[in-house]
Amino acid sequence: MSFRADNTMDADIFPKIQTVKKRFKSKKQVLNQNQIYVYCPEDRELEIGEIVNDYSFDMVVNDYNITDLSCKVICHFESARLTKAQRQFLVKATELGAWVEPLVSYLDERLGYTEVRLLHSGYFLHQKAFSILSTERTQLSKRIVDLFAVFLLCIVAIPLGIITALAIKLESPGPVFYKQRRAGQYNDEFDVIKFRSMRNDAESSGAQWASKNDARVTKVGNFIRKTRIDELPQLINVLRGEMSIVGPRPEREIFISNLEKEISYYRFRHAVKPGITGLAQVNYPYGASIEDAIWKHKYDIYYIKHHSYLLDIKILIKTVKVVLFGMGR
């Protein structure tokens, strides 16, 4: 792992570079991605340098003396704050065979999640890039798919739900279902419905994050959590239009108020309907800390930016594996 910053610029900022003669069928297949070049304002160099330590590839920051740009990956960050000559360097790099794109977008594709430590307002202001937000047709078709999925899942969910309800009632006193206020799309609160997996007095001392080996969880509750059966009643929330099958998990306002103080743009997850399952749930282990919330936020932002039906299908397939093999997260 290396990090190098070089702010020196020759009198001729554009050295003579051999033009790329070979044409590539797929340019990204032949790029050298072991080392990427990043161009940013000088006051952001140290911050990017610290983030570099988390990656398995090298970044060279603000080196304007490269003599060969062919097949190089060049990323820019806050390019509006670069000088005119520095921005022209990036334009010239594109002409001479480099792959040039915003740093956060490149990391999105390479890492499979959004590096939220690098987020800034500009990332969210290109609404057309967020097809799930900008296209009414996408939102309508997602709603239709949700309703179809609910009716399909009910074939299994109803008999399974009856068995679960009996098991909960036999093990501990209290209601079968558990309702809790959660923040949904546009910060509108609603009652999320779940099978009760904890003792009836679980929050007698106030709201608490659930932990991995929470003593408040019953034996039946432990099983239905691992297999996600406790989430089945949320199909009712989907029918009501409060949730979607796939999306960021809804959170409680009391926790959101604290998390948004620590995590930039945390409420942006409310731009879409929350989901019964989501990218964070199938990719990140169960956790109940600020660090865990940050990681889940990385996946939630990625999902909103890169939503597609193929991504939804992949998430659902992974969720099925969780249900079948008890790999609850």
Protein backbone atom coordinates (compact mmCIF):
# COMPACT_ATOMS: atom_id res chain seq x y z
CA MET A 1 0.00 0.00 0.00
CA SER A 2 1.38 3.37 -0.91
CA PHE A 3 0.25 6.95 -0.97
CA ARG A 4 2.18 9.63 -2.78
CA ALA A 5 1.28 13.25 -3.33
CA ASP A 6 3.10 15.29 -5.91
CA ASN A 7 1.85 18.80 -6.50
CA THR A 8 4.66 19.94 -8.80
CA MET A 9 3.67 20.85 -12.31
CA ASP A 10 6.11 21.34 -15.17
CA ALA A 11 5.97 24.51 -17.18
CA ASP A 12 4.39 22.32 -19.81
CA ILE A 13 1.70 20.53 -17.80
CA PHE A 14 1.02 18.19 -20.71
CA PRO A 15 4.15 16.17 -21.48
CA LYS A 16 4.45 14.50 -24.82
CA ILE A 17 2.65 11.22 -24.59
CA GLN A 18 2.44 8.43 -27.12
CA THR A 19 -1.08 8.13 -28.46
CA VAL A 20 -2.88 4.88 -27.99
CA LYS A 21 -2.82 2.97 -31.27
CA LYS A 22 -4.59 -0.18 -30.18
CA ARG A 23 -8.36 -0.10 -29.93
CA PHE A 24 -9.91 -2.10 -27.17
CA LYS A 25 -13.19 -4.00 -27.37
CA SER A 26 -13.66 -3.39 -23.66
CA LYS A 27 -11.35 -0.73 -22.37
CA LYS A 28 -11.78 -1.52 -18.67
CA GLN A 29 -10.61 -5.11 -19.22
CA VAL A 30 -7.09 -3.93 -20.00
CA LEU A 31 -6.74 -1.14 -17.48
CA ASN A 32 -4.00 -1.32 -14.87
CA GLN A 33 -6.09 -1.13 -11.72
CA ASN A 34 -3.37 -2.06 -9.23
CA GLN A 35 -2.54 1.61 -9.02
CA ILE A 36 -4.92 4.49 -9.66
CA TYR A 37 -4.22 8.21 -9.91
CA VAL A 38 -6.35 10.67 -7.97
CA TYR A 39 -6.57 14.41 -8.52
CA CYS A 40 -8.13 16.57 -5.84
CA PRO A 41 -7.71 19.94 -4.06
CA GLU A 42 -4.54 20.03 -1.96
CA ASP A 43 -6.44 20.37 1.31
CA ARG A 44 -8.10 16.97 0.76
CA GLU A 45 -4.88 15.01 0.15
CA LEU A 46 -4.35 13.84 3.73
CA GLU A 47 -7.96 12.76 4.09
CA ILE A 48 -7.77 10.65 0.94
CA GLY A 49 -4.41 9.31 2.07
CA GLU A 50 -5.97 7.99 5.28
CA ILE A 51 -8.77 6.29 3.37
CA VAL A 52 -6.27 4.63 1.04
CA ASN A 53 -5.02 2.44 3.88
CA ASP A 54 -8.28 0.48 3.79
CA TYR A 55 -7.86 -0.65 0.19
CA SER A 56 -5.89 -3.43 -1.45
CA PHE A 57 -4.67 -1.18 -4.28
CA ASP A 58 -2.46 1.89 -4.40
CA MET A 59 -3.39 5.50 -5.02
CA VAL A 60 -1.07 8.18 -6.28
CA VAL A 61 -2.45 11.62 -5.48
CA ASN A 62 -1.93 14.80 -7.54
CA ASP A 63 0.96 13.59 -9.68
CA TYR A 64 0.85 15.85 -12.74
CA ASN A 65 4.15 14.52 -14.10
CA ILE A 66 2.89 11.23 -15.51
CA THR A 67 4.57 10.54 -18.85
CA ASP A 68 2.25 7.79 -20.08
CA LEU A 69 -1.50 7.93 -19.56
CA SER A 70 -2.55 4.97 -21.68
CA CYS A 71 -4.51 2.33 -19.77
CA LYS A 72 -4.29 4.36 -16.56
CA VAL A 73 -7.20 4.84 -14.16
CA ILE A 74 -7.51 8.51 -13.29
CA CYS A 75 -10.07 9.67 -10.75
CA HIS A 76 -11.01 13.18 -9.71
CA PHE A 77 -12.49 14.40 -6.45
CA GLU A 78 -14.11 17.83 -6.00
CA SER A 79 -12.87 18.72 -9.46
CA ALA A 80 -14.78 22.04 -9.42
CA ARG A 81 -12.15 23.30 -6.95
CA LEU A 82 -9.21 22.42 -9.22
CA THR A 83 -7.50 25.12 -11.25
CA LYS A 84 -8.34 25.55 -14.91
CA ALA A 85 -4.98 24.00 -15.90
CA GLN A 86 -5.55 21.01 -13.60
CA ARG A 87 -9.02 20.39 -15.05
CA GLN A 88 -7.58 20.65 -18.54
CA PHE A 89 -5.06 17.98 -17.57
CA LEU A 90 -7.95 15.63 -16.83
CA VAL A 91 -9.58 16.43 -20.18
CA LYS A 92 -6.29 15.76 -21.96
CA ALA A 93 -5.88 12.48 -20.07
CA THR A 94 -9.22 11.32 -21.47
CA GLU A 95 -8.08 12.20 -25.00
CA LEU A 96 -4.85 10.25 -24.57
CA GLY A 97 -6.27 6.91 -23.48
CA ALA A 98 -6.83 7.15 -19.73
CA TRP A 99 -10.02 6.03 -18.00
CA VAL A 100 -11.23 9.16 -16.21
CA GLU A 101 -14.18 9.31 -13.80
CA PRO A 102 -15.17 10.68 -10.37
CA LEU A 103 -13.40 8.91 -7.50
CA VAL A 104 -16.56 7.94 -5.61
CA SER A 105 -18.16 6.48 -8.75
CA TYR A 106 -15.05 4.42 -9.49
CA LEU A 107 -14.89 3.08 -5.94
CA ASP A 108 -18.62 2.27 -6.08
CA GLU A 109 -18.07 -0.11 -8.96
CA ARG A 110 -14.84 -1.57 -7.65
CA LEU A 111 -15.82 -2.06 -4.01
CA GLY A 112 -19.52 -2.84 -4.35
CA TYR A 113 -20.44 -0.19 -1.79
CA THR A 114 -20.24 3.60 -1.51
CA GLU A 115 -17.29 5.14 0.33
CA VAL A 116 -19.40 7.44 2.48
CA ARG A 117 -16.36 9.17 3.92
CA LEU A 118 -15.91 10.83 0.53
CA LEU A 119 -19.51 11.84 -0.03
CA HIS A 120 -20.28 15.47 -0.74
CA SER A 121 -23.38 17.28 -1.94
CA GLY A 122 -22.42 16.97 -5.61
CA TYR A 123 -22.84 13.19 -5.45
CA PHE A 124 -26.56 13.59 -4.79
CA LEU A 125 -27.35 16.49 -7.09
CA HIS A 126 -27.33 14.51 -10.35
CA GLN A 127 -30.79 13.06 -9.81
CA LYS A 128 -30.90 11.40 -13.23
CA ALA A 129 -28.16 9.08 -11.99
CA PHE A 130 -30.59 7.86 -9.31
CA SER A 131 -33.08 6.14 -11.61
CA ILE A 132 -35.11 4.84 -8.68
CA LEU A 133 -35.76 8.46 -7.64
CA SER A 134 -36.06 10.29 -10.94
CA THR A 135 -38.16 7.90 -13.03
CA GLU A 136 -41.85 7.46 -12.17
CA ARG A 137 -41.99 4.40 -14.38
CA THR A 138 -39.28 2.75 -12.28
CA GLN A 139 -41.16 3.49 -9.06
CA LEU A 140 -44.45 2.21 -10.50
CA SER A 141 -42.91 -0.99 -11.84
CA LYS A 142 -41.16 -1.59 -8.50
CA ARG A 143 -44.53 -1.24 -6.76
CA ILE A 144 -46.11 -3.76 -9.15
CA VAL A 145 -43.26 -6.22 -8.53
CA ASP A 146 -43.69 -5.72 -4.77
CA LEU A 147 -47.40 -6.58 -4.92
CA PHE A 148 -46.76 -9.60 -7.12
CA ALA A 149 -44.06 -10.81 -4.71
CA VAL A 150 -46.37 -10.38 -1.70
CA PHE A 151 -49.11 -12.55 -3.20
CA LEU A 152 -46.52 -15.13 -4.25
CA LEU A 153 -44.85 -15.21 -0.83
CA CYS A 154 -48.19 -15.50 0.96
CA ILE A 155 -48.47 -19.08 -0.27
CA VAL A 156 -45.59 -19.95 2.05
CA ALA A 157 -45.90 -17.12 4.56
CA ILE A 158 -49.45 -17.84 5.77
CA PRO A 159 -48.95 -21.48 6.88
CA LEU A 160 -45.47 -20.68 8.20
CA GLY A 161 -46.87 -17.68 10.05
CA ILE A 162 -49.55 -19.80 11.76
CA ILE A 163 -46.92 -22.26 13.03
CA THR A 164 -44.70 -19.38 14.21
CA ALA A 165 -47.59 -17.69 16.02
CA LEU A 166 -48.40 -20.90 17.92
CA ALA A 167 -44.73 -21.39 18.89
CA ILE A 168 -44.46 -17.82 20.20
CA LYS A 169 -47.67 -18.15 22.21
CA LEU A 170 -46.60 -21.46 23.75
CA GLU A 171 -43.15 -20.23 24.80
CA SER A 172 -43.85 -16.88 26.44
CA PRO A 173 -46.77 -14.67 27.48
CA GLY A 174 -47.60 -11.62 25.41
CA PRO A 175 -48.83 -10.75 21.92
CA VAL A 176 -47.76 -12.68 18.82
CA PHE A 177 -47.04 -9.55 16.82
CA TYR A 178 -44.78 -6.65 17.74
CA LYS A 179 -45.34 -3.15 16.37
CA GLN A 180 -42.72 -0.45 16.45
CA ARG A 181 -42.56 3.05 15.01
CA ARG A 182 -39.98 3.36 12.25
CA ALA A 183 -39.03 6.11 9.81
CA GLY A 184 -40.02 5.39 6.22
CA GLN A 185 -39.80 7.17 2.89
CA TYR A 186 -39.52 10.97 3.19
CA ASN A 187 -39.09 10.50 6.99
CA ASP A 188 -42.77 9.59 7.41
CA GLU A 189 -43.16 7.28 10.40
CA PHE A 190 -45.21 4.08 10.33
CA ASP A 191 -45.73 0.98 12.46
CA VAL A 192 -43.49 -1.86 11.30
CA ILE A 193 -45.01 -5.28 12.08
CA LYS A 194 -42.91 -8.25 13.17
CA PHE A 195 -43.37 -11.54 14.97
CA ARG A 196 -42.37 -10.94 18.58
CA SER A 197 -38.90 -12.39 19.15
CA MET A 198 -38.18 -10.88 22.59
CA ARG A 199 -39.71 -11.05 26.02
CA ASN A 200 -42.78 -8.86 26.44
CA ASP A 201 -40.85 -6.55 28.83
CA ALA A 202 -37.83 -6.20 26.51
CA GLU A 203 -37.88 -2.39 26.51
CA SER A 204 -39.23 -1.69 29.96
CA SER A 205 -36.12 0.40 30.62
CA GLY A 206 -36.28 2.30 27.32
CA ALA A 207 -35.26 1.90 23.67
CA GLN A 208 -32.16 -0.21 23.09
CA TRP A 209 -30.28 -1.47 20.09
CA ALA A 210 -30.60 -5.25 19.74
CA SER A 211 -27.24 -7.01 20.18
CA LYS A 212 -26.02 -10.27 18.65
CA ASN A 213 -26.55 -12.48 21.71
CA ASP A 214 -29.30 -10.39 23.29
CA ALA A 215 -30.58 -11.96 26.53
CA ARG A 216 -34.02 -10.52 25.83
CA VAL A 217 -34.48 -12.79 22.81
CA THR A 218 -36.53 -15.96 23.39
CA LYS A 219 -35.58 -19.39 22.02
CA VAL A 220 -38.25 -19.19 19.35
CA GLY A 221 -37.21 -15.59 18.73
CA ASN A 222 -33.60 -16.62 18.18
CA PHE A 223 -34.65 -19.11 15.50
CA ILE A 224 -37.05 -16.81 13.65
CA ARG A 225 -34.45 -14.04 13.68
CA LYS A 226 -31.76 -16.24 12.13
CA THR A 227 -34.16 -17.43 9.43
CA ARG A 228 -35.79 -13.99 8.98
CA ILE A 229 -39.23 -15.48 9.68
CA ASP A 230 -39.82 -12.65 12.16
CA GLU A 231 -39.93 -10.26 9.20
CA LEU A 232 -42.81 -12.03 7.39
CA PRO A 233 -45.59 -9.85 8.86
CA GLN A 234 -43.98 -6.90 7.11
CA LEU A 235 -45.64 -8.18 3.95
CA ILE A 236 -48.64 -6.29 5.39
CA ASN A 237 -46.51 -3.11 5.42
CA VAL A 238 -45.66 -3.76 1.76
CA LEU A 239 -49.36 -4.14 0.90
CA ARG A 240 -50.05 -0.83 2.63
CA GLY A 241 -47.36 0.85 0.53
CA GLU A 242 -45.21 1.68 3.55
CA MET A 243 -42.38 -0.67 2.59
CA SER A 244 -40.89 -2.44 -0.38
CA ILE A 245 -39.62 -6.01 -0.61
CA VAL A 246 -36.05 -4.74 -1.16
CA GLY A 247 -34.62 -1.53 0.25
CA PRO A 248 -32.75 -0.08 3.23
CA ARG A 249 -34.02 -1.45 6.54
CA PRO A 250 -36.24 1.05 8.42
CA GLU A 251 -34.78 2.47 11.63
CA ARG A 252 -36.24 4.13 14.71
CA GLU A 253 -36.24 7.92 14.87
CA ILE A 254 -34.56 7.91 18.28
CA PHE A 255 -31.56 6.13 16.76
CA ILE A 256 -31.62 8.09 13.50
CA SER A 257 -31.31 11.39 15.39
CA ASN A 258 -28.08 10.15 16.94
CA LEU A 259 -26.70 8.43 13.86
CA GLU A 260 -27.08 11.45 11.59
CA LYS A 261 -24.79 13.38 13.94
CA GLU A 262 -22.04 10.84 13.24
CA ILE A 263 -22.81 9.77 9.66
CA SER A 264 -23.02 12.28 6.81
CA TYR A 265 -26.18 12.17 4.69
CA TYR A 266 -27.65 9.39 6.84
CA ARG A 267 -31.23 10.46 6.16
CA PHE A 268 -30.75 10.13 2.41
CA ARG A 269 -31.68 6.45 2.86
CA HIS A 270 -35.24 7.74 3.37
CA ALA A 271 -35.41 8.88 -0.25
CA VAL A 272 -36.76 5.39 -1.03
CA LYS A 273 -39.15 3.04 0.71
CA PRO A 274 -37.52 0.84 3.35
CA GLY A 275 -37.34 -2.87 2.60
CA ILE A 276 -37.96 -6.21 4.28
CA THR A 277 -34.50 -7.19 3.07
CA GLY A 278 -31.68 -5.16 1.59
CA LEU A 279 -28.14 -5.06 0.26
CA ALA A 280 -26.70 -4.26 3.71
CA GLN A 281 -28.53 -7.18 5.34
CA VAL A 282 -27.12 -9.78 2.95
CA ASN A 283 -23.59 -8.37 2.80
CA TYR A 284 -22.77 -7.21 6.32
CA PRO A 285 -22.82 -9.22 9.58
CA TYR A 286 -25.26 -8.34 12.32
CA GLY A 287 -24.09 -5.40 14.42
CA ALA A 288 -25.30 -2.67 16.72
CA SER A 289 -22.68 0.09 16.83
CA ILE A 290 -21.87 3.33 15.02
CA GLU A 291 -19.26 1.49 12.94
CA ASP A 292 -21.84 -1.12 11.92
CA ALA A 293 -24.31 1.63 11.03
CA ILE A 294 -21.67 3.30 8.83
CA TRP A 295 -21.03 0.07 6.95
CA LYS A 296 -24.73 -0.53 6.40
CA HIS A 297 -25.05 3.07 5.21
CA LYS A 298 -22.36 2.35 2.60
CA TYR A 299 -24.48 -0.45 1.14
CA ASP A 300 -27.75 1.51 1.41
CA ILE A 301 -26.38 4.50 -0.51
CA TYR A 302 -24.91 2.15 -3.12
CA TYR A 303 -28.30 0.46 -3.52
CA ILE A 304 -30.15 3.73 -4.01
CA LYS A 305 -27.61 4.97 -6.57
CA HIS A 306 -27.28 1.72 -8.50
CA HIS A 307 -30.75 0.24 -8.16
CA SER A 308 -31.73 -2.23 -10.87
CA TYR A 309 -34.03 -5.23 -11.09
CA LEU A 310 -30.98 -7.45 -11.48
CA LEU A 311 -29.61 -6.11 -8.18
CA ASP A 312 -32.99 -6.73 -6.50
CA ILE A 313 -32.96 -10.32 -7.79
CA LYS A 314 -29.43 -10.90 -6.46
CA ILE A 315 -30.46 -9.58 -3.04
CA LEU A 316 -33.54 -11.82 -2.99
CA ILE A 317 -31.48 -14.89 -3.92
CA LYS A 318 -29.06 -14.16 -1.08
CA THR A 319 -32.02 -13.64 1.26
CA VAL A 320 -33.42 -17.05 0.32
CA LYS A 321 -30.06 -18.58 1.28
CA VAL A 322 -30.31 -16.83 4.65
CA VAL A 323 -33.81 -18.22 5.24
CA LEU A 324 -32.94 -21.77 4.14
CA PHE A 325 -29.60 -22.07 5.94
CA GLY A 326 -30.23 -19.85 8.97
CA MET A 327 -27.46 -17.39 8.04
CA GLY A 328 -29.27 -14.48 9.66
CA ARG A 329 -27.44 -11.15 9.78
